[in-house]
Structures are given as C-alpha cells and as structure tokens.
Amino acid sequence: MPYLYTCPECRTKSDPYRTETGARGHGDDHRHEFHGGDHPYGEAIVPVERPQLTRSDLRILALVALLLLAGLISKLL
C-alpha cells in the first residue's frame, strides 16, 4: 500500500511512496527545509487506497486482452 506525507500548515502533500519509510523521509526533508525541523501540528503519513476495478473495468480489460491474443494468433497463422 502506498503512503504520502501531508503538511496542513503548507497545505501540501507528497507524491505517493511505496513504503511508509519513504513518506516519512519526505516528511523529514520537508520539515527541515520549511519548518526548521519542527513538527507542524497535524502533519501525517497517510495510506493511499488503490482504486478498485469495477465489473465494467474488468470487462474492458478482458476484451482488450482477448483482442491482443487474437492479434498474436493471427500473426502466427
């Protein structure tokens, strides 16, 4: 699950990081650069939910995969 750093004082958030440690490192850098090392009230490391595929998304994905497979088979024949 990806994580991002948020700073409510600056009204900013980081790009998502693969690990919580990466987001914390970003927060450390931000804190030292913009807040003299102090922790702004309300800063947080937030887990980012990945969007779930809907049934229609899965149908489109299956159709694209089927078309690619059909194209590969036609090239082989």
PDB file of N, CA and C in Angstrom:
ATOM      1  N   MET A   1       0.844  -1.173   0.000  1.00  0.00           N
ATOM      2  CA  MET A   1       0.000   0.000   0.000  1.00  0.00           C
ATOM      3  C   MET A   1       0.891   1.239   0.000  1.00  0.00           C
ATOM      4  N   PRO A   2       0.638   2.163  -0.899  1.00  0.00           N
ATOM      5  CA  PRO A   2       1.428   3.398  -0.926  1.00  0.00           C
ATOM      6  C   PRO A   2       1.065   4.349   0.218  1.00  0.00           C
ATOM      7  N   TYR A   3       1.997   5.254   0.514  1.00  0.00           N
ATOM      8  CA  TYR A   3       1.812   6.233   1.589  1.00  0.00           C
ATOM      9  C   TYR A   3       2.241   7.605   1.079  1.00  0.00           C
ATOM     10  N   LEU A   4       1.649   8.648   1.653  1.00  0.00           N
ATOM     11  CA  LEU A   4       2.096  10.001   1.338  1.00  0.00           C
ATOM     12  C   LEU A   4       2.168  10.834   2.600  1.00  0.00           C
ATOM     13  N   TYR A   5       2.984  11.887   2.536  1.00  0.00           N
ATOM     14  CA  TYR A   5       3.165  12.815   3.651  1.00  0.00           C
ATOM     15  C   TYR A   5       2.281  14.021   3.405  1.00  0.00           C
ATOM     16  N   THR A   6       1.585  14.484   4.448  1.00  0.00           N
ATOM     17  CA  THR A   6       0.776  15.690   4.333  1.00  0.00           C
ATOM     18  C   THR A   6       1.205  16.707   5.384  1.00  0.00           C
ATOM     19  N   CYS A   7       1.236  17.975   4.978  1.00  0.00           N
ATOM     20  CA  CYS A   7       1.537  19.080   5.883  1.00  0.00           C
ATOM     21  C   CYS A   7       0.387  20.076   5.801  1.00  0.00           C
ATOM     22  N   PRO A   8      -0.472  20.117   6.817  1.00  0.00           N
ATOM     23  CA  PRO A   8      -1.616  21.016   6.763  1.00  0.00           C
ATOM     24  C   PRO A   8      -1.229  22.493   6.835  1.00  0.00           C
ATOM     25  N   GLU A   9      -0.084  22.787   7.452  1.00  0.00           N
ATOM     26  CA  GLU A   9       0.337  24.186   7.548  1.00  0.00           C
ATOM     27  C   GLU A   9       0.667  24.745   6.162  1.00  0.00           C
ATOM     28  N   CYS A  10       1.343  23.959   5.352  1.00  0.00           N
ATOM     29  CA  CYS A  10       1.710  24.387   3.988  1.00  0.00           C
ATOM     30  C   CYS A  10       0.634  24.013   2.971  1.00  0.00           C
ATOM     31  N   ARG A  11      -0.340  23.235   3.421  1.00  0.00           N
ATOM     32  CA  ARG A  11      -1.385  22.730   2.528  1.00  0.00           C
ATOM     33  C   ARG A  11      -0.766  21.975   1.349  1.00  0.00           C
ATOM     34  N   THR A  12       0.115  21.049   1.689  1.00  0.00           N
ATOM     35  CA  THR A  12       0.806  20.283   0.661  1.00  0.00           C
ATOM     36  C   THR A  12       0.793  18.806   1.016  1.00  0.00           C
ATOM     37  N   LYS A  13       0.956  17.985   0.001  1.00  0.00           N
ATOM     38  CA  LYS A  13       1.110  16.552   0.201  1.00  0.00           C
ATOM     39  C   LYS A  13       2.145  16.046  -0.792  1.00  0.00           C
ATOM     40  N   SER A  14       2.820  14.982  -0.418  1.00  0.00           N
ATOM     41  CA  SER A  14       3.856  14.420  -1.275  1.00  0.00           C
ATOM     42  C   SER A  14       3.236  13.514  -2.331  1.00  0.00           C
ATOM     43  N   ASP A  15       4.035  13.142  -3.302  1.00  0.00           N
ATOM     44  CA  ASP A  15       3.648  12.072  -4.203  1.00  0.00           C
ATOM     45  C   ASP A  15       3.629  10.782  -3.391  1.00  0.00           C
ATOM     46  N   PRO A  16       2.882   9.777  -3.820  1.00  0.00           N
ATOM     47  CA  PRO A  16       2.861   8.517  -3.067  1.00  0.00           C
ATOM     48  C   PRO A  16       4.221   7.819  -3.089  1.00  0.00           C
ATOM     49  N   TYR A  17       4.562   7.214  -1.959  1.00  0.00           N
ATOM     50  CA  TYR A  17       5.769   6.401  -1.821  1.00  0.00           C
ATOM     51  C   TYR A  17       5.339   4.954  -1.616  1.00  0.00           C
ATOM     52  N   ARG A  18       6.149   4.025  -2.084  1.00  0.00           N
ATOM     53  CA  ARG A  18       5.803   2.606  -1.929  1.00  0.00           C
ATOM     54  C   ARG A  18       5.790   2.172  -0.469  1.00  0.00           C
ATOM     55  N   THR A  19       6.646   2.810   0.329  1.00  0.00           N
ATOM     56  CA  THR A  19       6.743   2.414   1.736  1.00  0.00           C
ATOM     57  C   THR A  19       6.441   3.594   2.645  1.00  0.00           C
ATOM     58  N   GLU A  20       6.052   3.264   3.873  1.00  0.00           N
ATOM     59  CA  GLU A  20       5.816   4.298   4.871  1.00  0.00           C
ATOM     60  C   GLU A  20       7.128   5.008   5.210  1.00  0.00           C
ATOM     61  N   THR A  21       8.223   4.264   5.181  1.00  0.00           N
ATOM     62  CA  THR A  21       9.541   4.841   5.461  1.00  0.00           C
ATOM     63  C   THR A  21       9.895   5.921   4.437  1.00  0.00           C
ATOM     64  N   GLY A  22       9.571   5.694   3.171  1.00  0.00           N
ATOM     65  CA  GLY A  22       9.827   6.698   2.136  1.00  0.00           C
ATOM     66  C   GLY A  22       9.051   7.980   2.381  1.00  0.00           C
ATOM     67  N   ALA A  23       7.783   7.837   2.772  1.00  0.00           N
ATOM     68  CA  ALA A  23       6.959   9.015   3.060  1.00  0.00           C
ATOM     69  C   ALA A  23       7.475   9.746   4.297  1.00  0.00           C
ATOM     70  N   ARG A  24       7.931   8.999   5.291  1.00  0.00           N
ATOM     71  CA  ARG A  24       8.493   9.635   6.497  1.00  0.00           C
ATOM     72  C   ARG A  24       9.776  10.393   6.160  1.00  0.00           C
ATOM     73  N   GLY A  25      10.590   9.837   5.276  1.00  0.00           N
ATOM     74  CA  GLY A  25      11.800  10.540   4.844  1.00  0.00           C
ATOM     75  C   GLY A  25      11.465  11.845   4.144  1.00  0.00           C
ATOM     76  N   HIS A  26      10.436  11.826   3.315  1.00  0.00           N
ATOM     77  CA  HIS A  26       9.985  13.051   2.651  1.00  0.00           C
ATOM     78  C   HIS A  26       9.539  14.075   3.690  1.00  0.00           C
ATOM     79  N   GLY A  27       8.797  13.595   4.697  1.00  0.00           N
ATOM     80  CA  GLY A  27       8.348  14.486   5.763  1.00  0.00           C
ATOM     81  C   GLY A  27       9.512  15.087   6.526  1.00  0.00           C
ATOM     82  N   ASP A  28      10.543  14.281   6.811  1.00  0.00           N
ATOM     83  CA  ASP A  28      11.739  14.801   7.493  1.00  0.00           C
ATOM     84  C   ASP A  28      12.392  15.908   6.676  1.00  0.00           C
ATOM     85  N   ASP A  29      12.556  15.655   5.373  1.00  0.00           N
ATOM     86  CA  ASP A  29      13.170  16.669   4.500  1.00  0.00           C
ATOM     87  C   ASP A  29      12.336  17.946   4.464  1.00  0.00           C
ATOM     88  N   HIS A  30      11.019  17.795   4.316  1.00  0.00           N
ATOM     89  CA  HIS A  30      10.119  18.950   4.263  1.00  0.00           C
ATOM     90  C   HIS A  30      10.189  19.749   5.566  1.00  0.00           C
ATOM     91  N   ARG A  31      10.150  19.030   6.681  1.00  0.00           N
ATOM     92  CA  ARG A  31      10.168  19.665   7.985  1.00  0.00           C
ATOM     93  C   ARG A  31      11.436  20.491   8.183  1.00  0.00           C
ATOM     94  N   HIS A  32      12.578  19.926   7.798  1.00  0.00           N
ATOM     95  CA  HIS A  32      13.853  20.641   7.970  1.00  0.00           C
ATOM     96  C   HIS A  32      13.961  21.843   7.027  1.00  0.00           C
ATOM     97  N   GLU A  33      13.454  21.683   5.808  1.00  0.00           N
ATOM     98  CA  GLU A  33      13.567  22.768   4.832  1.00  0.00           C
ATOM     99  C   GLU A  33      12.614  23.934   5.122  1.00  0.00           C
ATOM    100  N   PHE A  34      11.387  23.626   5.527  1.00  0.00           N
ATOM    101  CA  PHE A  34      10.371  24.675   5.641  1.00  0.00           C
ATOM    102  C   PHE A  34       9.967  25.035   7.070  1.00  0.00           C
ATOM    103  N   HIS A  35      10.293  24.176   8.047  1.00  0.00           N
ATOM    104  CA  HIS A  35       9.828  24.429   9.404  1.00  0.00           C
ATOM    105  C   HIS A  35      10.946  24.367  10.443  1.00  0.00           C
ATOM    106  N   GLY A  36      12.178  24.462   9.994  1.00  0.00           N
ATOM    107  CA  GLY A  36      13.311  24.460  10.918  1.00  0.00           C
ATOM    108  C   GLY A  36      13.411  23.189  11.753  1.00  0.00           C
ATOM    109  N   GLY A  37      12.873  22.084  11.239  1.00  0.00           N
ATOM    110  CA  GLY A  37      12.918  20.819  11.956  1.00  0.00           C
ATOM    111  C   GLY A  37      11.744  20.585  12.884  1.00  0.00           C
ATOM    112  N   ASP A  38      10.920  21.614  13.107  1.00  0.00           N
ATOM    113  CA  ASP A  38       9.756  21.465  13.986  1.00  0.00           C
ATOM    114  C   ASP A  38       8.647  20.680  13.275  1.00  0.00           C
ATOM    115  N   HIS A  39       7.823  20.006  14.069  1.00  0.00           N
ATOM    116  CA  HIS A  39       6.705  19.234  13.522  1.00  0.00           C
ATOM    117  C   HIS A  39       5.465  20.117  13.457  1.00  0.00           C
ATOM    118  N   PRO A  40       4.973  20.431  12.256  1.00  0.00           N
ATOM    119  CA  PRO A  40       3.733  21.196  12.164  1.00  0.00           C
ATOM    120  C   PRO A  40       2.569  20.399  12.761  1.00  0.00           C
ATOM    121  N   TYR A  41       1.687  21.099  13.444  1.00  0.00           N
ATOM    122  CA  TYR A  41       0.529  20.454  14.046  1.00  0.00           C
ATOM    123  C   TYR A  41      -0.335  19.839  12.945  1.00  0.00           C
ATOM    124  N   GLY A  42      -0.606  18.552  13.079  1.00  0.00           N
ATOM    125  CA  GLY A  42      -1.498  17.878  12.135  1.00  0.00           C
ATOM    126  C   GLY A  42      -0.803  17.194  10.968  1.00  0.00           C
ATOM    127  N   GLU A  43       0.541  17.260  10.898  1.00  0.00           N
ATOM    128  CA  GLU A  43       1.202  16.557   9.793  1.00  0.00           C
ATOM    129  C   GLU A  43       0.952  15.064   9.951  1.00  0.00           C
ATOM    130  N   ALA A  44       0.957  14.348   8.832  1.00  0.00           N
ATOM    131  CA  ALA A  44       0.613  12.931   8.920  1.00  0.00           C
ATOM    132  C   ALA A  44       1.203  12.144   7.758  1.00  0.00           C
ATOM    133  N   ILE A  45       1.349  10.853   7.996  1.00  0.00           N
ATOM    134  CA  ILE A  45       1.643   9.891   6.944  1.00  0.00           C
ATOM    135  C   ILE A  45       0.329   9.165   6.683  1.00  0.00           C
ATOM    136  N   VAL A  46      -0.152   9.235   5.459  1.00  0.00           N
ATOM    137  CA  VAL A  46      -1.481   8.735   5.136  1.00  0.00           C
ATOM    138  C   VAL A  46      -1.385   7.571   4.148  1.00  0.00           C
ATOM    139  N   PRO A  47      -2.005   6.430   4.472  1.00  0.00           N
ATOM    140  CA  PRO A  47      -2.049   5.347   3.484  1.00  0.00           C
ATOM    141  C   PRO A  47      -2.992   5.724   2.345  1.00  0.00           C
ATOM    142  N   VAL A  48      -2.603   5.388   1.142  1.00  0.00           N
ATOM    143  CA  VAL A  48      -3.401   5.716  -0.043  1.00  0.00           C
ATOM    144  C   VAL A  48      -4.078   4.443  -0.527  1.00  0.00           C
ATOM    145  N   GLU A  49      -5.378   4.484  -0.594  1.00  0.00           N
ATOM    146  CA  GLU A  49      -6.128   3.338  -1.091  1.00  0.00           C
ATOM    147  C   GLU A  49      -6.007   3.275  -2.611  1.00  0.00           C
ATOM    148  N   ARG A  50      -5.747   2.097  -3.095  1.00  0.00           N
ATOM    149  CA  ARG A  50      -5.724   1.906  -4.547  1.00  0.00           C
ATOM    150  C   ARG A  50      -7.161   1.761  -5.024  1.00  0.00           C
ATOM    151  N   PRO A  51      -7.465   2.372  -6.161  1.00  0.00           N
ATOM    152  CA  PRO A  51      -8.846   2.259  -6.648  1.00  0.00           C
ATOM    153  C   PRO A  51      -9.173   0.807  -7.021  1.00  0.00           C
ATOM    154  N   GLN A  52     -10.382   0.393  -6.703  1.00  0.00           N
ATOM    155  CA  GLN A  52     -10.827  -0.960  -7.024  1.00  0.00           C
ATOM    156  C   GLN A  52     -11.392  -0.982  -8.446  1.00  0.00           C
ATOM    157  N   LEU A  53     -11.121  -2.063  -9.161  1.00  0.00           N
ATOM    158  CA  LEU A  53     -11.668  -2.211 -10.504  1.00  0.00           C
ATOM    159  C   LEU A  53     -13.144  -2.586 -10.408  1.00  0.00           C
ATOM    160  N   THR A  54     -13.949  -1.924 -11.213  1.00  0.00           N
ATOM    161  CA  THR A  54     -15.368  -2.249 -11.261  1.00  0.00           C
ATOM    162  C   THR A  54     -15.573  -3.392 -12.252  1.00  0.00           C
ATOM    163  N   ARG A  55     -16.769  -3.922 -12.260  1.00  0.00           N
ATOM    164  CA  ARG A  55     -17.084  -5.018 -13.177  1.00  0.00           C
ATOM    165  C   ARG A  55     -16.925  -4.574 -14.631  1.00  0.00           C
ATOM    166  N   SER A  56     -17.328  -3.349 -14.958  1.00  0.00           N
ATOM    167  CA  SER A  56     -17.182  -2.868 -16.335  1.00  0.00           C
ATOM    168  C   SER A  56     -15.703  -2.676 -16.689  1.00  0.00           C
ATOM    169  N   ASP A  57     -14.879  -2.245 -15.708  1.00  0.00           N
ATOM    170  CA  ASP A  57     -13.436  -2.140 -15.953  1.00  0.00           C
ATOM    171  C   ASP A  57     -12.851  -3.506 -16.293  1.00  0.00           C
ATOM    172  N   LEU A  58     -13.275  -4.524 -15.564  1.00  0.00           N
ATOM    173  CA  LEU A  58     -12.786  -5.879 -15.804  1.00  0.00           C
ATOM    174  C   LEU A  58     -13.223  -6.396 -17.166  1.00  0.00           C
ATOM    175  N   ARG A  59     -14.431  -6.065 -17.576  1.00  0.00           N
ATOM    176  CA  ARG A  59     -14.910  -6.476 -18.908  1.00  0.00           C
ATOM    177  C   ARG A  59     -14.066  -5.835 -20.011  1.00  0.00           C
ATOM    178  N   ILE A  60     -13.775  -4.558 -19.865  1.00  0.00           N
ATOM    179  CA  ILE A  60     -12.950  -3.866 -20.867  1.00  0.00           C
ATOM    180  C   ILE A  60     -11.550  -4.456 -20.887  1.00  0.00           C
ATOM    181  N   LEU A  61     -10.980  -4.715 -19.737  1.00  0.00           N
ATOM    182  CA  LEU A  61      -9.660  -5.326 -19.650  1.00  0.00           C
ATOM    183  C   LEU A  61      -9.644  -6.701 -20.311  1.00  0.00           C
ATOM    184  N   ALA A  62     -10.675  -7.496 -20.068  1.00  0.00           N
ATOM    185  CA  ALA A  62     -10.769  -8.819 -20.693  1.00  0.00           C
ATOM    186  C   ALA A  62     -10.901  -8.705 -22.203  1.00  0.00           C
ATOM    187  N   LEU A  63     -11.677  -7.743 -22.681  1.00  0.00           N
ATOM    188  CA  LEU A  63     -11.843  -7.536 -24.118  1.00  0.00           C
ATOM    189  C   LEU A  63     -10.530  -7.138 -24.774  1.00  0.00           C
ATOM    190  N   VAL A  64      -9.802  -6.237 -24.156  1.00  0.00           N
ATOM    191  CA  VAL A  64      -8.503  -5.817 -24.695  1.00  0.00           C
ATOM    192  C   VAL A  64      -7.536  -6.990 -24.724  1.00  0.00           C
ATOM    193  N   ALA A  65      -7.508  -7.792 -23.661  1.00  0.00           N
ATOM    194  CA  ALA A  65      -6.639  -8.967 -23.620  1.00  0.00           C
ATOM    195  C   ALA A  65      -7.023  -9.958 -24.714  1.00  0.00           C
ATOM    196  N   LEU A  66      -8.319 -10.165 -24.924  1.00  0.00           N
ATOM    197  CA  LEU A  66      -8.793 -11.069 -25.964  1.00  0.00           C
ATOM    198  C   LEU A  66      -8.388 -10.574 -27.353  1.00  0.00           C
ATOM    199  N   LEU A  67      -8.524  -9.276 -27.592  1.00  0.00           N
ATOM    200  CA  LEU A  67      -8.131  -8.707 -28.887  1.00  0.00           C
ATOM    201  C   LEU A  67      -6.625  -8.833 -29.114  1.00  0.00           C
ATOM    202  N   LEU A  68      -5.832  -8.614 -28.086  1.00  0.00           N
ATOM    203  CA  LEU A  68      -4.383  -8.782 -28.215  1.00  0.00           C
ATOM    204  C   LEU A  68      -4.021 -10.233 -28.504  1.00  0.00           C
ATOM    205  N   LEU A  69      -4.667 -11.153 -27.820  1.00  0.00           N
ATOM    206  CA  LEU A  69      -4.430 -12.570 -28.047  1.00  0.00           C
ATOM    207  C   LEU A  69      -4.821 -12.970 -29.462  1.00  0.00           C
ATOM    208  N   ALA A  70      -5.967 -12.485 -29.926  1.00  0.00           N
ATOM    209  CA  ALA A  70      -6.407 -12.784 -31.283  1.00  0.00           C
ATOM    210  C   ALA A  70      -5.426 -12.217 -32.312  1.00  0.00           C
ATOM    211  N   GLY A  71      -4.898 -11.031 -32.063  1.00  0.00           N
ATOM    212  CA  GLY A  71      -3.903 -10.458 -32.967  1.00  0.00           C
ATOM    213  C   GLY A  71      -2.628 -11.274 -32.997  1.00  0.00           C
ATOM    214  N   LEU A  72      -2.187 -11.751 -31.860  1.00  0.00           N
ATOM    215  CA  LEU A  72      -0.971 -12.586 -31.821  1.00  0.00           C
ATOM    216  C   LEU A  72      -1.186 -13.914 -32.541  1.00  0.00           C
ATOM    217  N   ILE A  73      -2.351 -14.521 -32.343  1.00  0.00           N
ATOM    218  CA  ILE A  73      -2.648 -15.790 -33.008  1.00  0.00           C
ATOM    219  C   ILE A  73      -2.705 -15.609 -34.515  1.00  0.00           C
ATOM    220  N   SER A  74      -3.323 -14.515 -34.971  1.00  0.00           N
ATOM    221  CA  SER A  74      -3.417 -14.280 -36.423  1.00  0.00           C
ATOM    222  C   SER A  74      -2.036 -14.042 -37.039  1.00  0.00           C
ATOM    223  N   LYS A  75      -1.107 -13.468 -36.297  1.00  0.00           N
ATOM    224  CA  LYS A  75       0.255 -13.277 -36.800  1.00  0.00           C
ATOM    225  C   LYS A  75       0.992 -14.601 -36.930  1.00  0.00           C
ATOM    226  N   LEU A  76       0.689 -15.538 -36.047  1.00  0.00           N
ATOM    227  CA  LEU A  76       1.350 -16.841 -36.073  1.00  0.00           C
ATOM    228  C   LEU A  76       0.824 -17.730 -37.187  1.00  0.00           C
ATOM    229  N   LEU A  77      -0.414 -17.517 -37.582  1.00  0.00           N
ATOM    230  CA  LEU A  77      -1.025 -18.370 -38.626  1.00  0.00           C
ATOM    231  C   LEU A  77      -0.770 -17.792 -39.959  1.00  0.00           C
TER     232      LEU A  77
END
